[in-house]
Amino acid sequence: MAGVRPFVEGDVVAVADLVWKVLHGRVGHSPPSLKVYFSELFLHNPWRDDGIVSNVYEDNEGRIVGFFGAVPRRMTIQGKRIRLAFGSNFVMDPASRATMAAIQLVRTFMKGPQDVSITDSANENSRQLLRSLGFNIVPIYSLLWARPLKPFRYGLEGLTRLKKTGLVRVLGTVLTPVCYLADAIAARIPLNPLHVSRPQGVTEDLSSEVLLELLARIPATNLLLPEYDKGSIDWVLNFIGKEKAFGEVRKRVVRNDEHKPIGWFLYYASPGAIGEVLQIGAESASVGRVLDHLFYDALHCGLIGLHGRLEPQLMQELTLKSCFFLRNGSWTLAHSSKLDLLNLIQSGAAFFSRLDGEWALRPGPDGLMGADPPTN
């Protein structure tokens, strides 16, 4: 009989093939790496919880036609642990979208024992469905900040992303050398508001041990904090480092002239591209300097700009550092019967970065390599 049931190891092949077909527009069977990804993320993550599970929807013939992934996470509020469940990789076979299957999958997820149900990677279709079932948009965590580092190439990249026509591609090819020259000239102008200079202090590789120490010490002004231990932080860093969703992961701790750590940052770096920031942490008096080190590091890695999810505690300094804000990409939505928790998240009182949710746990391009081309 058709219905929802928990996702188990024996479903990995069918679910990976479904996601390969529907979310990635591919034909044929999914690559082995994608199957490993689904098994590791949804069945072997370090926060496994018997009550918070991923689910599949089977039709009357026993075929899996829907999947709703759930990734448990933990946060603390004044030392008290709360459980979050992140929705992930929500997919339905196109032939089954007219049924109640999608609604049943979401409602099953919402009925779990978690204190908060949340997603930070919803597309427009998912946003509309989740809102109709009681989820609330979290505006502050649905915004992005952007910082051009090579402004002319950044602007050209934005144009080519916005318009995919042949004329724009040709124009991009023609203008690229001009933009290189213009950026080189602009970099030599100290009064340029986007000028990046070497900041005081130094950066070093960020180990999981130092990151754990900093997470426990620096963002103490936030009411909601992510909870990690050595095993979970190692797992996350290894996972994102292996997947390389937007390039190599740069992890740096910032130290002042006395060699005291004052903050840290993690971001994806791919030369010639726009880097995606995963997490920034800093003592309140050092946010500006940590941002300066981030921009300087990214520029010297060959990036043309940086994007990150807005975090309220950084907004003032981001504005002062010539960043701008936009609404583009994934939506963050949350649901909870505990209105005090929901209000805390809505108000931006959480230390809640991309690293702490589902956004960072997406498959990388190597994991999506396959012989068959995308379908039309």
Protein backbone atom coordinates (compact mmCIF):
# COMPACT_ATOMS: atom_id res chain seq x y z
CA MET A 1 0.00 0.00 0.00
CA ALA A 2 1.22 3.48 -0.86
CA GLY A 3 2.55 5.67 1.93
CA VAL A 4 5.43 7.16 3.88
CA ARG A 5 8.08 5.06 5.62
CA PRO A 6 11.60 5.64 7.00
CA PHE A 7 14.54 5.78 4.61
CA VAL A 8 16.88 2.79 5.04
CA GLU A 9 20.16 1.65 3.52
CA GLY A 10 18.37 -0.46 0.94
CA ASP A 11 16.69 2.68 -0.47
CA VAL A 12 19.93 4.50 -1.27
CA VAL A 13 20.14 3.45 -4.92
CA ALA A 14 16.51 4.31 -5.70
CA VAL A 15 16.65 7.68 -3.93
CA ALA A 16 19.96 8.65 -5.54
CA ASP A 17 18.56 7.76 -8.95
CA LEU A 18 15.41 9.80 -8.26
CA VAL A 19 17.42 12.85 -7.22
CA TRP A 20 19.75 12.39 -10.19
CA LYS A 21 16.76 12.44 -12.53
CA VAL A 22 14.59 15.15 -10.97
CA LEU A 23 16.92 17.61 -9.21
CA HIS A 24 19.89 17.30 -11.56
CA GLY A 25 18.07 16.66 -14.83
CA ARG A 26 20.12 13.59 -15.74
CA VAL A 27 19.20 10.32 -17.41
CA GLY A 28 20.27 6.83 -16.46
CA HIS A 29 21.60 5.67 -13.12
CA SER A 30 23.24 8.01 -10.63
CA PRO A 31 27.02 7.77 -10.13
CA PRO A 32 28.34 5.71 -7.19
CA SER A 33 29.59 8.87 -5.47
CA LEU A 34 26.04 10.21 -5.17
CA LYS A 35 24.90 6.97 -3.53
CA VAL A 36 27.77 7.26 -1.04
CA TYR A 37 26.71 10.85 -0.38
CA PHE A 38 23.12 9.88 0.52
CA SER A 39 24.22 7.03 2.74
CA GLU A 40 26.80 9.09 4.62
CA LEU A 41 24.67 12.22 5.07
CA PHE A 42 21.33 10.72 6.01
CA LEU A 43 22.24 7.40 7.63
CA HIS A 44 25.72 7.89 9.11
CA ASN A 45 25.98 11.52 10.22
CA PRO A 46 27.22 12.14 13.79
CA TRP A 47 23.87 13.54 15.01
CA ARG A 48 21.86 10.40 14.23
CA ASP A 49 18.61 10.39 16.18
CA ASP A 50 16.14 7.50 16.27
CA GLY A 51 13.23 9.94 16.28
CA ILE A 52 14.43 12.30 13.51
CA VAL A 53 14.70 10.26 10.33
CA SER A 54 14.53 10.77 6.58
CA ASN A 55 11.51 9.35 4.80
CA VAL A 56 10.53 7.98 1.42
CA TYR A 57 7.15 7.72 -0.26
CA GLU A 58 6.28 4.44 -1.97
CA ASP A 59 3.51 4.14 -4.56
CA ASN A 60 1.11 1.20 -4.82
CA GLU A 61 3.68 -0.78 -6.81
CA GLY A 62 6.37 -0.32 -4.17
CA ARG A 63 8.38 2.20 -6.21
CA ILE A 64 10.02 5.08 -4.36
CA VAL A 65 8.55 8.26 -5.88
CA GLY A 66 9.40 10.76 -3.16
CA PHE A 67 12.09 11.57 -0.61
CA PHE A 68 12.42 14.06 2.24
CA GLY A 69 15.81 14.04 3.91
CA ALA A 70 16.22 15.02 7.56
CA VAL A 71 19.53 15.98 9.16
CA PRO A 72 19.42 16.39 12.96
CA ARG A 73 21.47 19.17 14.52
CA ARG A 74 21.81 20.47 18.08
CA MET A 75 21.91 23.96 19.53
CA THR A 76 21.91 25.28 23.06
CA ILE A 77 20.00 28.13 24.68
CA GLN A 78 21.56 29.27 27.94
CA GLY A 79 23.14 25.84 28.32
CA LYS A 80 19.96 23.89 27.57
CA ARG A 81 20.08 21.62 24.52
CA ILE A 82 17.43 21.87 21.81
CA ARG A 83 17.03 19.61 18.80
CA LEU A 84 16.71 20.90 15.25
CA ALA A 85 15.78 18.88 12.19
CA PHE A 86 16.87 20.26 8.83
CA GLY A 87 14.85 19.31 5.77
CA SER A 88 17.04 18.39 2.82
CA ASN A 89 16.90 17.08 -0.77
CA PHE A 90 13.10 17.17 -0.97
CA VAL A 91 12.17 15.51 -4.25
CA MET A 92 9.09 14.03 -5.91
CA ASP A 93 8.80 12.08 -9.13
CA PRO A 94 7.05 14.41 -11.64
CA ALA A 95 4.38 11.78 -12.30
CA SER A 96 3.43 11.82 -8.59
CA ARG A 97 3.39 15.56 -7.90
CA ALA A 98 -0.39 15.79 -8.28
CA THR A 99 -0.92 13.39 -5.38
CA MET A 100 -0.82 14.07 -1.63
CA ALA A 101 2.57 12.40 -1.40
CA ALA A 102 4.56 15.62 -1.06
CA ILE A 103 2.28 16.92 1.68
CA GLN A 104 2.46 13.63 3.57
CA LEU A 105 6.25 13.65 3.46
CA VAL A 106 6.46 17.19 4.86
CA ARG A 107 3.85 16.56 7.55
CA THR A 108 5.66 13.40 8.66
CA PHE A 109 8.83 15.46 9.00
CA MET A 110 7.01 18.14 11.02
CA LYS A 111 5.59 15.55 13.44
CA GLY A 112 9.05 14.46 14.56
CA PRO A 113 10.33 14.99 18.12
CA GLN A 114 12.53 17.96 17.20
CA ASP A 115 12.03 21.33 18.88
CA VAL A 116 12.40 23.17 15.57
CA SER A 117 11.89 22.02 11.98
CA ILE A 118 13.96 24.13 9.61
CA THR A 119 15.42 24.35 6.14
CA ASP A 120 18.03 26.79 4.88
CA SER A 121 18.09 25.58 1.27
CA ALA A 122 14.48 25.78 0.05
CA ASN A 123 13.84 26.69 -3.58
CA GLU A 124 10.79 28.65 -4.68
CA ASN A 125 8.53 25.61 -5.09
CA SER A 126 9.50 24.20 -1.70
CA ARG A 127 9.01 27.62 -0.10
CA GLN A 128 5.42 27.82 -1.31
CA LEU A 129 4.58 24.29 -0.14
CA LEU A 130 6.23 24.68 3.27
CA ARG A 131 4.48 27.98 3.91
CA SER A 132 1.12 26.42 3.08
CA LEU A 133 1.80 23.76 5.75
CA GLY A 134 2.72 26.18 8.52
CA PHE A 135 6.38 27.03 8.05
CA ASN A 136 7.46 30.65 8.49
CA ILE A 137 10.01 32.46 6.36
CA VAL A 138 13.00 33.65 8.38
CA PRO A 139 13.80 36.89 6.51
CA ILE A 140 17.13 37.70 8.14
CA TYR A 141 18.64 34.31 7.21
CA SER A 142 17.18 34.43 3.69
CA LEU A 143 19.32 37.43 2.72
CA LEU A 144 22.82 37.42 1.28
CA TRP A 145 25.67 39.88 1.57
CA ALA A 146 28.03 40.45 -1.31
CA ARG A 147 31.49 42.00 -1.51
CA PRO A 148 33.16 42.57 -4.90
CA LEU A 149 36.94 42.11 -4.77
CA LYS A 150 37.62 42.68 -8.47
CA PRO A 151 34.63 44.91 -9.22
CA PHE A 152 34.75 44.97 -13.02
CA ARG A 153 35.06 41.20 -13.36
CA TYR A 154 32.47 40.77 -10.61
CA GLY A 155 30.04 43.00 -12.53
CA LEU A 156 30.68 41.09 -15.75
CA GLU A 157 30.08 37.80 -13.94
CA GLY A 158 26.78 39.17 -12.64
CA LEU A 159 25.72 40.17 -16.15
CA THR A 160 26.49 36.76 -17.61
CA ARG A 161 24.63 35.05 -14.76
CA LEU A 162 21.61 37.26 -15.31
CA LYS A 163 21.48 36.86 -19.09
CA LYS A 164 22.35 33.54 -20.74
CA THR A 165 21.99 34.67 -24.35
CA GLY A 166 24.65 34.11 -26.99
CA LEU A 167 25.15 37.86 -27.35
CA VAL A 168 25.97 38.22 -23.65
CA ARG A 169 28.44 35.32 -23.83
CA VAL A 170 30.19 36.94 -26.76
CA LEU A 171 30.17 40.29 -24.97
CA GLY A 172 31.65 38.64 -21.88
CA THR A 173 34.48 37.16 -23.93
CA VAL A 174 35.24 40.52 -25.53
CA LEU A 175 35.09 42.49 -22.29
CA THR A 176 37.05 40.10 -20.07
CA PRO A 177 40.52 41.52 -20.97
CA VAL A 178 39.19 45.04 -20.46
CA CYS A 179 37.86 44.09 -17.04
CA TYR A 180 41.22 42.57 -16.07
CA LEU A 181 42.93 45.84 -16.93
CA ALA A 182 40.29 47.97 -15.18
CA ASP A 183 40.54 45.88 -12.01
CA ALA A 184 44.33 46.13 -12.03
CA ILE A 185 44.09 49.92 -12.22
CA ALA A 186 41.37 50.11 -9.56
CA ALA A 187 43.46 47.99 -7.17
CA ARG A 188 46.14 50.69 -7.17
CA ILE A 189 43.78 53.44 -6.06
CA PRO A 190 43.79 53.64 -2.23
CA LEU A 191 40.67 55.85 -2.18
CA ASN A 192 38.71 53.19 -4.03
CA PRO A 193 36.01 52.04 -1.50
CA LEU A 194 36.60 48.45 -2.65
CA HIS A 195 40.38 48.65 -2.21
CA VAL A 196 41.78 45.73 -0.21
CA SER A 197 45.01 46.20 1.70
CA ARG A 198 47.01 43.94 4.00
CA PRO A 199 45.51 44.13 7.52
CA GLN A 200 47.35 43.97 10.83
CA GLY A 201 47.80 40.58 12.41
CA VAL A 202 48.18 37.18 10.75
CA THR A 203 46.09 34.19 9.72
CA GLU A 204 46.88 30.52 10.17
CA ASP A 205 45.26 27.23 9.25
CA LEU A 206 42.24 26.62 11.46
CA SER A 207 42.17 23.20 13.13
CA SER A 208 39.03 21.59 14.48
CA GLU A 209 40.44 21.86 18.02
CA VAL A 210 40.91 25.64 17.72
CA LEU A 211 37.51 26.03 16.04
CA LEU A 212 35.84 24.22 18.95
CA GLU A 213 37.60 26.51 21.41
CA LEU A 214 36.58 29.65 19.52
CA LEU A 215 32.97 28.54 19.09
CA ALA A 216 32.72 28.07 22.84
CA ARG A 217 34.30 31.43 23.64
CA ILE A 218 33.67 34.10 21.05
CA PRO A 219 29.95 34.24 20.11
CA ALA A 220 28.79 34.32 23.75
CA THR A 221 26.44 37.25 23.10
CA ASN A 222 24.13 35.06 21.00
CA LEU A 223 21.21 33.36 22.73
CA LEU A 224 21.18 30.30 20.48
CA LEU A 225 24.50 28.57 19.82
CA PRO A 226 25.43 25.54 17.71
CA GLU A 227 26.61 22.54 19.71
CA TYR A 228 29.61 20.59 18.48
CA ASP A 229 32.05 18.09 19.87
CA LYS A 230 35.30 16.84 18.36
CA GLY A 231 33.59 14.05 16.43
CA SER A 232 30.87 16.22 14.88
CA ILE A 233 33.13 19.14 13.94
CA ASP A 234 35.64 16.75 12.35
CA TRP A 235 32.83 15.07 10.41
CA VAL A 236 31.49 18.38 9.07
CA LEU A 237 34.90 19.69 8.04
CA ASN A 238 35.82 16.39 6.39
CA PHE A 239 32.46 16.20 4.60
CA ILE A 240 32.59 19.69 3.08
CA GLY A 241 36.27 19.30 2.31
CA LYS A 242 35.57 16.11 0.39
CA GLU A 243 32.52 17.36 -1.49
CA LYS A 244 34.02 20.75 -2.51
CA ALA A 245 30.58 22.07 -3.47
CA PHE A 246 31.97 25.48 -4.50
CA GLY A 247 35.70 24.81 -4.54
CA GLU A 248 38.39 24.15 -1.96
CA VAL A 249 37.50 24.99 1.65
CA ARG A 250 39.69 27.70 3.23
CA LYS A 251 39.77 27.58 7.04
CA ARG A 252 41.70 30.35 8.79
CA VAL A 253 42.07 31.65 12.33
CA VAL A 254 42.93 35.35 12.71
CA ARG A 255 45.50 36.34 15.35
CA ASN A 256 46.43 39.82 16.52
CA ASP A 257 49.95 41.16 17.02
CA GLU A 258 50.13 39.40 20.40
CA HIS A 259 49.23 36.14 18.63
CA LYS A 260 45.87 35.99 20.42
CA PRO A 261 43.03 34.51 18.32
CA ILE A 262 40.40 37.19 17.63
CA GLY A 263 38.25 35.38 15.07
CA TRP A 264 38.05 32.95 12.20
CA PHE A 265 36.49 32.34 8.79
CA LEU A 266 35.70 29.45 6.46
CA TYR A 267 34.83 29.82 2.80
CA TYR A 268 34.85 28.02 -0.54
CA ALA A 269 37.60 29.26 -2.87
CA SER A 270 37.79 28.67 -6.61
CA PRO A 271 40.14 31.04 -8.49
CA GLY A 272 38.33 33.36 -10.89
CA ALA A 273 34.97 32.72 -9.22
CA ILE A 274 32.84 34.21 -6.46
CA GLY A 275 33.65 32.57 -3.13
CA GLU A 276 30.87 31.34 -0.84
CA VAL A 277 31.41 32.06 2.87
CA LEU A 278 30.46 29.31 5.29
CA GLN A 279 31.15 30.91 8.66
CA ILE A 280 32.65 34.02 10.23
CA GLY A 281 33.23 34.39 13.95
CA ALA A 282 34.81 37.24 15.85
CA GLU A 283 34.92 39.09 19.12
CA SER A 284 32.63 42.09 18.78
CA ALA A 285 35.53 44.57 18.76
CA SER A 286 37.38 42.59 16.09
CA VAL A 287 34.70 41.95 13.46
CA GLY A 288 36.10 44.61 11.13
CA ARG A 289 39.63 43.24 11.27
CA VAL A 290 38.46 39.66 10.72
CA LEU A 291 36.50 40.80 7.65
CA ASP A 292 39.60 42.62 6.38
CA HIS A 293 41.58 39.39 6.66
CA LEU A 294 38.83 37.44 4.90
CA PHE A 295 38.74 39.87 1.97
CA TYR A 296 42.54 39.97 1.74
CA ASP A 297 42.82 36.18 1.85
CA ALA A 298 40.11 35.71 -0.77
CA LEU A 299 41.65 38.30 -3.09
CA HIS A 300 45.03 36.56 -2.93
CA CYS A 301 43.31 33.23 -3.67
CA GLY A 302 42.18 34.74 -6.98
CA LEU A 303 38.50 35.30 -6.16
CA ILE A 304 36.59 38.11 -7.82
CA GLY A 305 34.10 38.50 -4.97
CA LEU A 306 32.49 36.91 -1.93
CA HIS A 307 28.93 36.00 -1.04
CA GLY A 308 27.67 34.94 2.37
CA ARG A 309 24.42 34.53 4.24
CA LEU A 310 23.58 37.55 6.34
CA GLU A 311 24.26 37.15 10.05
CA PRO A 312 22.85 40.03 12.13
CA GLN A 313 25.89 40.42 14.38
CA LEU A 314 27.99 41.20 11.29
CA MET A 315 25.62 43.56 9.50
CA GLN A 316 27.03 46.88 10.70
CA GLU A 317 30.63 46.01 9.86
CA LEU A 318 29.66 44.45 6.52
CA THR A 319 27.97 47.72 5.60
CA LEU A 320 31.05 49.71 6.60
CA LYS A 321 33.21 47.41 4.47
CA SER A 322 31.33 48.30 1.24
CA CYS A 323 29.21 45.15 1.16
CA PHE A 324 25.69 45.19 -0.22
CA PHE A 325 22.72 42.95 0.49
CA LEU A 326 20.39 41.04 -1.79
CA ARG A 327 17.67 38.42 -1.80
CA ASN A 328 18.77 35.61 -4.08
CA GLY A 329 19.04 31.85 -3.85
CA SER A 330 17.88 29.61 -1.02
CA TRP A 331 15.13 30.46 1.46
CA THR A 332 15.30 29.74 5.19
CA LEU A 333 12.02 28.64 6.77
CA ALA A 334 11.26 27.32 10.26
CA HIS A 335 8.38 25.73 12.14
CA SER A 336 7.97 25.09 15.85
CA SER A 337 5.16 24.75 18.36
CA LYS A 338 7.47 26.53 20.82
CA LEU A 339 6.89 30.14 19.88
CA ASP A 340 9.73 31.43 22.06
CA LEU A 341 12.25 29.40 20.06
CA LEU A 342 10.69 30.41 16.77
CA ASN A 343 10.79 34.07 17.79
CA LEU A 344 14.48 33.80 18.74
CA ILE A 345 15.33 32.42 15.32
CA GLN A 346 13.13 34.99 13.56
CA SER A 347 14.84 37.81 15.47
CA GLY A 348 18.32 36.74 14.39
CA ALA A 349 19.42 35.94 17.94
CA ALA A 350 21.11 32.70 16.88
CA PHE A 351 24.73 32.15 15.88
CA PHE A 352 23.53 30.31 12.81
CA SER A 353 25.88 30.17 9.85
CA ARG A 354 25.80 28.15 6.66
CA LEU A 355 28.16 25.67 8.32
CA ASP A 356 25.57 24.96 11.03
CA GLY A 357 22.71 24.01 8.72
CA GLU A 358 22.05 21.90 5.67
CA TRP A 359 23.26 24.44 3.09
CA ALA A 360 26.91 23.36 3.33
CA LEU A 361 26.09 19.66 3.08
CA ARG A 362 25.29 19.60 -0.62
CA PRO A 363 27.05 17.31 -3.11
CA GLY A 364 30.02 18.72 -4.93
CA PRO A 365 30.63 18.63 -8.68
CA ASP A 366 32.85 15.55 -8.44
CA GLY A 367 30.01 13.69 -6.78
CA LEU A 368 27.67 14.61 -9.63
CA MET A 369 29.94 13.49 -12.46
CA GLY A 370 28.22 11.07 -14.79
CA ALA A 371 28.40 9.91 -18.36
CA ASP A 372 24.89 10.94 -19.37
CA PRO A 373 24.11 14.57 -20.33
CA PRO A 374 21.41 16.67 -18.66
CA THR A 375 17.91 16.19 -20.04
CA ASN A 376 16.13 19.08 -21.72
